[in-house]
N, C-alpha and C. Protein backbone atom coordinates (compact mmCIF):
# COMPACT_ATOMS: atom_id res chain seq x y z
N LEU A 1 -139.31 -117.68 77.14
CA LEU A 1 -138.03 -117.77 76.46
C LEU A 1 -138.17 -118.26 75.04
N GLY A 2 -139.23 -118.95 74.73
CA GLY A 2 -139.40 -119.46 73.38
C GLY A 2 -138.62 -120.74 73.12
N ALA A 3 -138.21 -121.44 74.18
CA ALA A 3 -137.45 -122.68 74.00
C ALA A 3 -138.39 -123.86 73.80
N ILE A 4 -137.94 -124.79 72.98
CA ILE A 4 -138.70 -126.02 72.75
C ILE A 4 -137.77 -127.20 72.97
N LYS A 5 -138.36 -128.36 73.28
CA LYS A 5 -137.57 -129.57 73.49
C LYS A 5 -137.53 -130.34 72.17
N ILE A 6 -136.31 -130.68 71.72
CA ILE A 6 -136.14 -131.44 70.48
C ILE A 6 -135.11 -132.55 70.72
N ARG A 7 -134.96 -133.42 69.74
CA ARG A 7 -133.92 -134.44 69.81
C ARG A 7 -132.76 -134.02 68.91
N ASN A 8 -131.55 -134.14 69.44
CA ASN A 8 -130.37 -133.81 68.63
C ASN A 8 -130.00 -135.00 67.75
N THR A 9 -128.89 -134.91 67.05
CA THR A 9 -128.49 -135.98 66.12
C THR A 9 -128.17 -137.29 66.83
N LYS A 10 -127.89 -137.23 68.13
CA LYS A 10 -127.62 -138.44 68.91
C LYS A 10 -128.88 -139.01 69.54
N GLY A 11 -130.01 -138.37 69.30
CA GLY A 11 -131.27 -138.83 69.85
C GLY A 11 -131.55 -138.33 71.26
N GLN A 12 -130.68 -137.49 71.79
CA GLN A 12 -130.87 -136.94 73.13
C GLN A 12 -131.82 -135.76 73.08
N LYS A 13 -132.64 -135.64 74.14
CA LYS A 13 -133.54 -134.49 74.22
C LYS A 13 -132.76 -133.28 74.69
N ILE A 14 -132.90 -132.18 73.97
CA ILE A 14 -132.24 -130.92 74.31
C ILE A 14 -133.23 -129.78 74.12
N TYR A 15 -132.90 -128.64 74.69
CA TYR A 15 -133.71 -127.44 74.48
C TYR A 15 -133.11 -126.63 73.35
N SER A 16 -133.97 -126.04 72.55
CA SER A 16 -133.54 -125.21 71.43
C SER A 16 -134.47 -124.02 71.33
N VAL A 17 -133.98 -122.97 70.72
CA VAL A 17 -134.83 -121.80 70.50
C VAL A 17 -135.78 -122.12 69.36
N ASN A 18 -137.04 -121.84 69.58
CA ASN A 18 -138.05 -122.08 68.56
C ASN A 18 -137.79 -121.15 67.38
N PRO A 19 -137.46 -121.70 66.19
CA PRO A 19 -137.13 -120.84 65.05
C PRO A 19 -138.28 -119.93 64.63
N GLN A 20 -139.50 -120.30 64.95
CA GLN A 20 -140.65 -119.46 64.59
C GLN A 20 -140.78 -118.25 65.51
N ARG A 21 -140.13 -118.30 66.66
CA ARG A 21 -140.23 -117.19 67.61
C ARG A 21 -138.99 -116.31 67.62
N ARG A 22 -138.00 -116.64 66.81
CA ARG A 22 -136.79 -115.82 66.74
C ARG A 22 -137.14 -114.48 66.12
N PRO A 23 -136.66 -113.40 66.71
CA PRO A 23 -136.93 -112.10 66.10
C PRO A 23 -136.18 -111.97 64.78
N SER A 24 -136.86 -111.43 63.80
CA SER A 24 -136.18 -111.22 62.53
C SER A 24 -135.79 -109.76 62.42
N PRO A 25 -134.52 -109.49 62.14
CA PRO A 25 -134.07 -108.10 62.05
C PRO A 25 -134.83 -107.32 60.99
N ASP A 26 -135.09 -106.08 61.29
CA ASP A 26 -135.80 -105.18 60.39
C ASP A 26 -134.81 -104.15 59.87
N ALA A 27 -134.54 -104.19 58.58
CA ALA A 27 -133.56 -103.28 57.98
C ALA A 27 -133.99 -101.82 58.09
N GLY A 28 -135.25 -101.58 58.36
CA GLY A 28 -135.74 -100.21 58.47
C GLY A 28 -135.47 -99.57 59.83
N ARG A 29 -134.97 -100.34 60.77
CA ARG A 29 -134.68 -99.81 62.11
C ARG A 29 -133.47 -98.90 62.08
N SER A 30 -133.52 -97.85 62.87
CA SER A 30 -132.35 -96.97 62.99
C SER A 30 -131.32 -97.64 63.89
N ILE A 31 -130.09 -97.19 63.80
CA ILE A 31 -129.03 -97.74 64.64
C ILE A 31 -129.38 -97.53 66.11
N ALA A 32 -129.93 -96.38 66.44
CA ALA A 32 -130.29 -96.09 67.83
C ALA A 32 -131.31 -97.10 68.36
N GLU A 33 -132.18 -97.60 67.50
CA GLU A 33 -133.15 -98.61 67.92
C GLU A 33 -132.51 -99.99 68.05
N MET A 34 -131.42 -100.24 67.31
CA MET A 34 -130.75 -101.53 67.37
C MET A 34 -129.90 -101.66 68.63
N VAL A 35 -129.25 -100.57 69.04
CA VAL A 35 -128.29 -100.61 70.14
C VAL A 35 -128.98 -100.33 71.47
N VAL A 36 -128.79 -101.24 72.42
CA VAL A 36 -129.35 -101.09 73.76
C VAL A 36 -128.37 -100.35 74.66
N SER A 37 -127.11 -100.76 74.63
CA SER A 37 -126.09 -100.10 75.46
C SER A 37 -124.70 -100.39 74.92
N VAL A 38 -123.77 -99.53 75.30
CA VAL A 38 -122.36 -99.72 74.95
C VAL A 38 -121.59 -99.53 76.25
N GLU A 39 -120.80 -100.54 76.63
CA GLU A 39 -120.03 -100.43 77.86
C GLU A 39 -118.62 -100.96 77.64
N HIS A 40 -117.74 -100.63 78.55
CA HIS A 40 -116.37 -101.10 78.41
C HIS A 40 -115.72 -101.30 79.77
N ASN A 41 -114.65 -102.09 79.76
CA ASN A 41 -113.78 -102.18 80.92
C ASN A 41 -112.40 -101.77 80.43
N SER A 42 -111.36 -102.17 81.10
CA SER A 42 -110.03 -101.72 80.70
C SER A 42 -109.50 -102.44 79.47
N GLU A 43 -110.18 -103.49 79.02
CA GLU A 43 -109.64 -104.28 77.92
C GLU A 43 -110.52 -104.44 76.69
N PHE A 44 -111.82 -104.30 76.81
CA PHE A 44 -112.67 -104.46 75.63
C PHE A 44 -113.98 -103.71 75.78
N ILE A 45 -114.73 -103.65 74.69
CA ILE A 45 -116.01 -102.95 74.64
C ILE A 45 -117.09 -103.97 74.30
N LEU A 46 -118.24 -103.88 74.97
CA LEU A 46 -119.39 -104.71 74.65
C LEU A 46 -120.53 -103.81 74.20
N ILE A 47 -121.13 -104.19 73.09
CA ILE A 47 -122.30 -103.48 72.58
C ILE A 47 -123.47 -104.44 72.69
N HIS A 48 -124.45 -104.10 73.51
CA HIS A 48 -125.65 -104.92 73.66
C HIS A 48 -126.68 -104.40 72.65
N THR A 49 -127.27 -105.31 71.89
CA THR A 49 -128.24 -104.91 70.87
C THR A 49 -129.58 -105.58 71.12
N ALA A 50 -130.59 -105.07 70.45
CA ALA A 50 -131.87 -105.77 70.43
C ALA A 50 -131.64 -107.13 69.78
N ALA A 51 -132.42 -108.12 70.17
CA ALA A 51 -132.24 -109.48 69.67
C ALA A 51 -132.22 -109.51 68.14
N GLY A 52 -131.17 -110.12 67.61
CA GLY A 52 -131.06 -110.28 66.16
C GLY A 52 -130.25 -109.21 65.45
N TYR A 53 -129.80 -108.18 66.17
CA TYR A 53 -129.12 -107.06 65.52
C TYR A 53 -127.61 -107.00 65.76
N GLY A 54 -127.06 -107.95 66.48
CA GLY A 54 -125.63 -107.94 66.77
C GLY A 54 -124.77 -107.93 65.52
N ARG A 55 -125.09 -108.79 64.58
CA ARG A 55 -124.29 -108.87 63.36
C ARG A 55 -124.40 -107.61 62.51
N ALA A 56 -125.57 -107.00 62.49
CA ALA A 56 -125.75 -105.76 61.72
C ALA A 56 -124.89 -104.64 62.30
N VAL A 57 -124.87 -104.53 63.62
CA VAL A 57 -124.06 -103.50 64.26
C VAL A 57 -122.57 -103.77 64.03
N ALA A 58 -122.17 -105.04 64.11
CA ALA A 58 -120.77 -105.39 63.85
C ALA A 58 -120.37 -105.03 62.42
N ARG A 59 -121.26 -105.24 61.48
CA ARG A 59 -120.95 -104.90 60.08
C ARG A 59 -120.77 -103.40 59.91
N ILE A 60 -121.52 -102.62 60.66
CA ILE A 60 -121.36 -101.16 60.62
C ILE A 60 -119.95 -100.80 61.09
N LEU A 61 -119.52 -101.40 62.19
CA LEU A 61 -118.16 -101.14 62.70
C LEU A 61 -117.11 -101.59 61.69
N ASP A 62 -117.30 -102.77 61.13
CA ASP A 62 -116.34 -103.28 60.13
C ASP A 62 -116.28 -102.36 58.91
N TYR A 63 -117.42 -101.86 58.48
CA TYR A 63 -117.49 -100.98 57.31
C TYR A 63 -116.65 -99.72 57.53
N HIS A 64 -116.72 -99.17 58.74
CA HIS A 64 -115.99 -97.93 59.02
C HIS A 64 -114.51 -98.15 59.27
N ALA A 65 -114.11 -99.38 59.48
CA ALA A 65 -112.69 -99.77 59.60
C ALA A 65 -111.88 -98.80 60.47
N LEU A 66 -112.35 -98.61 61.69
CA LEU A 66 -111.60 -97.74 62.61
C LEU A 66 -110.25 -98.37 62.90
N PRO A 67 -109.16 -97.64 62.69
CA PRO A 67 -107.83 -98.22 62.89
C PRO A 67 -107.56 -98.62 64.34
N GLU A 68 -108.30 -98.06 65.28
CA GLU A 68 -108.11 -98.37 66.69
C GLU A 68 -108.73 -99.70 67.09
N ILE A 69 -109.52 -100.32 66.18
CA ILE A 69 -110.18 -101.59 66.49
C ILE A 69 -109.39 -102.74 65.88
N LEU A 70 -109.00 -103.68 66.75
CA LEU A 70 -108.27 -104.86 66.30
C LEU A 70 -109.22 -105.89 65.70
N GLY A 71 -110.38 -106.08 66.34
CA GLY A 71 -111.33 -107.05 65.83
C GLY A 71 -112.69 -106.91 66.47
N VAL A 72 -113.69 -107.49 65.79
CA VAL A 72 -115.07 -107.45 66.24
C VAL A 72 -115.64 -108.86 66.13
N VAL A 73 -116.33 -109.30 67.18
CA VAL A 73 -117.00 -110.60 67.17
C VAL A 73 -118.46 -110.35 67.52
N ALA A 74 -119.37 -110.89 66.71
CA ALA A 74 -120.78 -110.63 66.92
C ALA A 74 -121.57 -111.89 67.17
N GLY A 75 -122.53 -111.77 68.06
CA GLY A 75 -123.53 -112.79 68.27
C GLY A 75 -124.87 -112.20 67.89
N SER A 76 -125.93 -112.84 68.27
CA SER A 76 -127.26 -112.35 67.92
C SER A 76 -127.58 -111.02 68.59
N SER A 77 -127.18 -110.89 69.86
CA SER A 77 -127.56 -109.67 70.57
C SER A 77 -126.40 -109.00 71.31
N ILE A 78 -125.18 -109.35 70.94
CA ILE A 78 -124.03 -108.72 71.58
C ILE A 78 -122.88 -108.62 70.59
N VAL A 79 -122.12 -107.55 70.70
CA VAL A 79 -120.94 -107.36 69.85
C VAL A 79 -119.77 -107.12 70.80
N TRP A 80 -118.71 -107.91 70.63
CA TRP A 80 -117.49 -107.78 71.43
C TRP A 80 -116.45 -107.10 70.56
N VAL A 81 -115.87 -106.01 71.07
CA VAL A 81 -114.90 -105.24 70.31
C VAL A 81 -113.57 -105.24 71.05
N ALA A 82 -112.51 -105.64 70.35
CA ALA A 82 -111.16 -105.63 70.92
C ALA A 82 -110.42 -104.42 70.37
N PRO A 83 -109.99 -103.52 71.25
CA PRO A 83 -109.20 -102.39 70.78
C PRO A 83 -107.79 -102.85 70.40
N ARG A 84 -107.18 -102.16 69.48
CA ARG A 84 -105.81 -102.50 69.06
C ARG A 84 -104.83 -102.31 70.22
N VAL A 85 -105.03 -101.25 71.01
CA VAL A 85 -104.18 -100.96 72.16
C VAL A 85 -105.09 -100.80 73.38
N VAL A 86 -104.92 -101.66 74.39
CA VAL A 86 -105.85 -101.63 75.53
C VAL A 86 -105.79 -100.32 76.32
N GLN A 87 -104.70 -99.61 76.25
CA GLN A 87 -104.62 -98.33 76.95
C GLN A 87 -105.56 -97.29 76.33
N ARG A 88 -106.09 -97.58 75.15
CA ARG A 88 -106.98 -96.63 74.46
C ARG A 88 -108.41 -97.13 74.41
N THR A 89 -108.75 -98.10 75.26
CA THR A 89 -110.10 -98.67 75.25
C THR A 89 -111.17 -97.61 75.48
N ALA A 90 -110.96 -96.71 76.43
CA ALA A 90 -111.95 -95.66 76.70
C ALA A 90 -112.14 -94.76 75.48
N LEU A 91 -111.06 -94.46 74.77
CA LEU A 91 -111.16 -93.64 73.55
C LEU A 91 -111.94 -94.38 72.47
N VAL A 92 -111.67 -95.66 72.30
CA VAL A 92 -112.39 -96.46 71.29
C VAL A 92 -113.87 -96.52 71.66
N HIS A 93 -114.16 -96.65 72.96
CA HIS A 93 -115.55 -96.65 73.43
C HIS A 93 -116.25 -95.36 73.01
N LYS A 94 -115.59 -94.22 73.21
CA LYS A 94 -116.17 -92.93 72.81
C LYS A 94 -116.37 -92.86 71.30
N GLN A 95 -115.41 -93.36 70.53
CA GLN A 95 -115.53 -93.34 69.07
C GLN A 95 -116.70 -94.19 68.61
N ILE A 96 -116.87 -95.35 69.23
CA ILE A 96 -117.99 -96.22 68.86
C ILE A 96 -119.31 -95.55 69.20
N ASN A 97 -119.40 -94.94 70.38
CA ASN A 97 -120.62 -94.22 70.75
C ASN A 97 -120.93 -93.14 69.72
N TYR A 98 -119.92 -92.39 69.33
CA TYR A 98 -120.12 -91.33 68.33
C TYR A 98 -120.56 -91.94 67.01
N LEU A 99 -119.87 -92.98 66.59
CA LEU A 99 -120.19 -93.63 65.32
C LEU A 99 -121.62 -94.15 65.30
N LEU A 100 -122.05 -94.74 66.38
CA LEU A 100 -123.41 -95.29 66.45
C LEU A 100 -124.43 -94.23 66.85
N LYS A 101 -123.96 -92.98 66.95
CA LYS A 101 -124.83 -91.84 67.29
C LYS A 101 -125.56 -92.06 68.61
N MET A 102 -124.78 -92.56 69.56
CA MET A 102 -125.32 -92.81 70.89
C MET A 102 -124.76 -91.77 71.85
N ASN A 103 -125.50 -91.44 72.85
CA ASN A 103 -125.02 -90.55 73.90
C ASN A 103 -125.15 -91.28 75.23
N LEU A 104 -124.42 -92.38 75.36
CA LEU A 104 -124.50 -93.18 76.58
C LEU A 104 -123.35 -92.82 77.50
N ASN A 105 -123.62 -92.77 78.75
CA ASN A 105 -122.57 -92.54 79.75
C ASN A 105 -122.15 -93.88 80.32
N SER A 106 -120.88 -94.00 80.67
CA SER A 106 -120.44 -95.25 81.29
C SER A 106 -119.81 -94.97 82.62
């Protein structure tokens, strides 16, 4: 996992990700290499990415400003997408797949 034991500001021992082992995003990677999967339920879409690429994928979605997307929240390896209208979640899922040039089935 790459976790190390450190002391926090209160002096308590905690586990943290070793900063030397964190993957550094490579700008030369294609979108297809960044995205692991795109899935949805009736209310939102999750985009799983290779470690470190969540924010890059979210920026791509933000750049395209799809009117059907209410908001995007990104972590290191996951992007959460809220559709503007939940009844159109499946449609937004298809649009995101197309935008990211993915051919994933759900």
